[in-house]
Structure formats: structure tokens, C-alpha cells
N, C-alpha and C. Protein backbone atom coordinates (compact mmCIF):
# COMPACT_ATOMS: atom_id res chain seq x y z
N MET A 1 25.99 20.34 13.50
CA MET A 1 24.68 20.72 13.83
C MET A 1 23.67 19.68 13.56
N CYS A 2 22.83 19.15 14.38
CA CYS A 2 21.88 17.94 14.15
C CYS A 2 20.73 18.68 13.61
N ALA A 3 20.16 17.71 12.18
CA ALA A 3 18.89 18.27 11.62
C ALA A 3 17.92 17.56 12.29
N PHE A 4 16.87 18.11 12.89
CA PHE A 4 15.86 17.04 13.31
C PHE A 4 14.57 17.25 12.18
N LYS A 5 14.07 16.01 11.97
CA LYS A 5 13.16 16.08 10.89
C LYS A 5 11.82 16.61 11.52
N ILE A 6 10.92 17.26 11.19
CA ILE A 6 9.57 17.43 11.67
C ILE A 6 8.25 17.01 10.93
N SER A 7 7.65 16.46 11.15
CA SER A 7 6.52 15.53 10.56
C SER A 7 5.14 16.52 11.02
N ILE A 8 4.52 16.66 9.84
CA ILE A 8 3.11 17.23 10.09
C ILE A 8 1.81 16.53 9.84
N LEU A 9 0.91 16.81 10.60
CA LEU A 9 -0.45 15.92 10.57
C LEU A 9 -1.24 17.02 10.37
N LYS A 10 -1.96 16.56 8.97
CA LYS A 10 -2.69 17.57 8.46
C LYS A 10 -4.29 16.86 8.26
N ARG A 11 -5.31 17.46 8.39
CA ARG A 11 -6.42 16.93 7.96
C ARG A 11 -7.03 17.48 6.47
N ILE A 12 -7.42 16.83 5.68
CA ILE A 12 -8.01 17.18 4.41
C ILE A 12 -9.57 17.55 4.37
N ILE A 13 -10.24 18.66 4.27
CA ILE A 13 -11.42 18.95 4.08
C ILE A 13 -11.93 19.66 2.90
N ASN A 14 -12.65 19.05 1.85
CA ASN A 14 -13.18 19.80 0.76
C ASN A 14 -11.85 20.06 -0.14
N ASN A 15 -10.97 19.25 -0.34
CA ASN A 15 -9.83 19.32 -0.94
C ASN A 15 -8.67 20.27 -0.28
N LYS A 16 -8.70 20.73 0.94
CA LYS A 16 -7.93 21.61 1.18
C LYS A 16 -7.23 21.04 2.39
N GLN A 17 -6.17 21.09 2.79
CA GLN A 17 -5.39 20.72 3.86
C GLN A 17 -5.29 21.76 4.88
N LEU A 18 -5.60 21.33 6.24
CA LEU A 18 -5.44 21.89 7.04
C LEU A 18 -4.37 21.47 8.11
N GLU A 19 -3.66 22.22 8.72
CA GLU A 19 -2.43 21.79 9.63
C GLU A 19 -3.02 21.32 10.88
N VAL A 20 -3.02 20.34 11.61
CA VAL A 20 -3.41 19.86 12.87
C VAL A 20 -2.31 20.23 14.00
N THR A 21 -0.85 19.59 13.72
CA THR A 21 -0.10 19.65 14.62
C THR A 21 1.41 19.30 13.80
N ARG A 22 2.35 19.95 14.37
CA ARG A 22 4.02 19.41 14.19
C ARG A 22 4.45 18.65 15.28
N SER A 23 5.49 17.85 14.86
CA SER A 23 6.21 16.93 15.71
C SER A 23 7.36 16.30 15.46
N PHE A 24 8.37 16.02 16.27
CA PHE A 24 9.56 15.52 15.75
C PHE A 24 9.18 14.27 15.92
N ASP A 25 8.60 13.68 16.65
CA ASP A 25 8.12 12.20 16.88
C ASP A 25 7.22 11.54 16.18
N LEU A 26 7.44 10.99 15.18
CA LEU A 26 6.61 10.57 13.96
C LEU A 26 5.66 9.44 14.58
N ASP A 27 6.37 8.65 15.54
CA ASP A 27 5.53 7.60 15.95
C ASP A 27 4.17 8.11 16.87
N ASN A 28 4.72 9.34 17.78
CA ASN A 28 3.50 9.77 18.36
C ASN A 28 2.61 10.58 17.98
N LEU A 29 3.11 10.92 16.52
CA LEU A 29 2.15 11.77 15.75
C LEU A 29 1.38 10.80 15.06
N ILE A 30 1.51 9.74 14.67
CA ILE A 30 0.83 8.49 13.87
C ILE A 30 -0.06 8.17 14.97
N CYS A 31 0.11 7.81 16.06
CA CYS A 31 -0.69 7.54 17.33
C CYS A 31 -1.61 8.40 17.61
N THR A 32 -1.56 9.88 17.48
CA THR A 32 -2.29 10.89 17.52
C THR A 32 -3.74 10.88 16.42
N ALA A 33 -3.00 10.62 15.33
CA ALA A 33 -3.90 10.34 13.95
C ALA A 33 -4.90 9.31 14.30
N LYS A 34 -4.27 8.16 14.58
CA LYS A 34 -5.19 7.04 14.89
C LYS A 34 -6.42 7.27 16.14
N GLU A 35 -6.06 8.15 17.10
CA GLU A 35 -6.89 8.51 17.96
C GLU A 35 -8.25 9.46 17.47
N ILE A 36 -7.55 10.24 16.68
CA ILE A 36 -8.52 11.35 15.74
C ILE A 36 -9.59 10.44 15.04
N LEU A 37 -8.91 9.37 14.51
CA LEU A 37 -9.74 8.72 13.37
C LEU A 37 -10.77 7.93 14.22
N GLU A 38 -10.54 7.47 15.44
CA GLU A 38 -11.39 6.68 16.11
C GLU A 38 -12.54 7.51 16.38
N GLU A 39 -12.57 8.79 16.35
CA GLU A 39 -13.56 9.57 16.79
C GLU A 39 -14.29 10.33 15.38
N ASN A 40 -13.60 10.33 14.47
CA ASN A 40 -13.98 11.26 13.22
C ASN A 40 -13.66 10.50 11.98
N GLU A 41 -14.90 10.39 10.94
CA GLU A 41 -14.40 9.90 9.96
C GLU A 41 -13.97 10.80 8.78
N ILE A 42 -12.55 10.85 8.92
CA ILE A 42 -11.94 12.18 8.08
C ILE A 42 -10.72 11.70 7.41
N ASP A 43 -10.22 12.49 6.37
CA ASP A 43 -8.93 12.15 5.68
C ASP A 43 -7.90 12.78 6.37
N LEU A 44 -6.74 12.07 6.60
CA LEU A 44 -5.50 12.73 7.72
C LEU A 44 -4.34 12.13 6.77
N ILE A 45 -3.52 12.91 6.83
CA ILE A 45 -2.27 12.57 6.21
C ILE A 45 -1.04 13.06 7.03
N ILE A 46 0.28 12.45 6.88
CA ILE A 46 1.41 13.12 7.93
C ILE A 46 2.32 13.40 6.88
N THR A 47 3.07 14.53 6.63
CA THR A 47 3.67 14.71 5.47
C THR A 47 4.97 15.22 6.35
N ASP A 48 6.34 15.36 5.39
CA ASP A 48 7.30 15.76 5.87
C ASP A 48 7.39 17.34 5.66
N GLU A 49 8.57 18.12 6.03
CA GLU A 49 8.83 19.54 5.85
C GLU A 49 8.43 19.88 4.10
N LYS A 50 8.90 19.06 3.36
CA LYS A 50 8.90 19.09 2.16
C LYS A 50 7.42 18.65 1.51
N SER A 51 6.36 18.49 2.24
CA SER A 51 5.03 17.99 1.86
C SER A 51 4.95 16.42 1.02
N LYS A 52 6.09 15.73 1.64
CA LYS A 52 6.00 14.31 0.95
C LYS A 52 5.21 13.43 1.68
N ILE A 53 4.45 12.76 1.21
CA ILE A 53 3.40 11.91 2.25
C ILE A 53 4.12 10.90 2.82
N ILE A 54 4.26 10.76 4.43
CA ILE A 54 4.96 9.87 5.10
C ILE A 54 3.79 8.85 5.63
N TRP A 55 2.65 9.25 5.97
CA TRP A 55 1.62 8.16 6.31
C TRP A 55 0.07 8.68 5.94
N LYS A 56 -0.60 8.03 5.53
CA LYS A 56 -2.12 8.55 5.07
C LYS A 56 -3.37 7.60 5.69
N ASN A 57 -4.30 8.04 5.91
CA ASN A 57 -5.55 7.54 5.91
C ASN A 57 -6.69 8.19 5.49
N LYS A 58 -7.19 7.41 4.44
CA LYS A 58 -8.36 7.96 3.75
C LYS A 58 -9.41 7.45 4.19
N LYS A 59 -10.61 7.90 4.35
CA LYS A 59 -11.89 6.96 4.63
C LYS A 59 -12.20 6.09 3.52
N SER A 60 -11.83 6.26 2.37
CA SER A 60 -12.00 5.39 1.19
C SER A 60 -11.16 4.48 0.86
N THR A 61 -9.87 4.68 1.63
CA THR A 61 -8.99 3.45 1.58
C THR A 61 -9.21 2.32 2.57
N PRO A 62 -9.10 1.21 2.22
CA PRO A 62 -9.14 -0.08 2.94
C PRO A 62 -8.18 -0.09 4.15
N VAL A 63 -8.58 -0.71 5.16
CA VAL A 63 -7.88 -0.57 6.42
C VAL A 63 -6.30 -1.05 6.21
N HIS A 64 -6.39 -2.30 5.68
CA HIS A 64 -5.31 -2.92 5.25
C HIS A 64 -4.37 -2.46 4.48
N GLU A 65 -4.60 -1.44 3.67
CA GLU A 65 -3.74 -0.83 3.02
C GLU A 65 -3.10 0.50 3.56
N ASN A 66 -3.45 0.83 4.83
CA ASN A 66 -3.19 2.00 5.51
C ASN A 66 -1.69 1.41 6.16
N ALA A 67 -0.59 2.57 6.11
CA ALA A 67 0.72 2.23 6.85
C ALA A 67 0.58 2.22 8.45
């Protein structure tokens, strides 16, 4: 049986994480996050099912440090 890894896109508001979407396709999820960031200056992270951070973009993080 194949085990698919689900990635979860979350936005952070006032230190609370709100789930935005789940996906099996990490590249697509990162693309979605970047589109959201073009319109909104908010903190976004993508985690795996165990809440390990895979990708993050914090408004306080310089662009060159983001994955």
C-alpha cells in the first residue's frame, strides 16, 4: 500500500495557525502560497502531517532566506 504525504498550507494570525488547504502536491501548494503572498502580507507556512515545517514565508523574513 502506498503512503501519500499530505502537505498543509497554514496562515498565522496573532500566533494562531489557521489551516488554509491540504494537498498531495507540494509544488502546487507552494505556488498557491506565493500567489496568496502577492496579494496579502501575512505569515504562511507549509507543514507535513506531523507539523514539521517544510516551507515558510514570514513577512519579517528577507526574501532571499525563503525556500
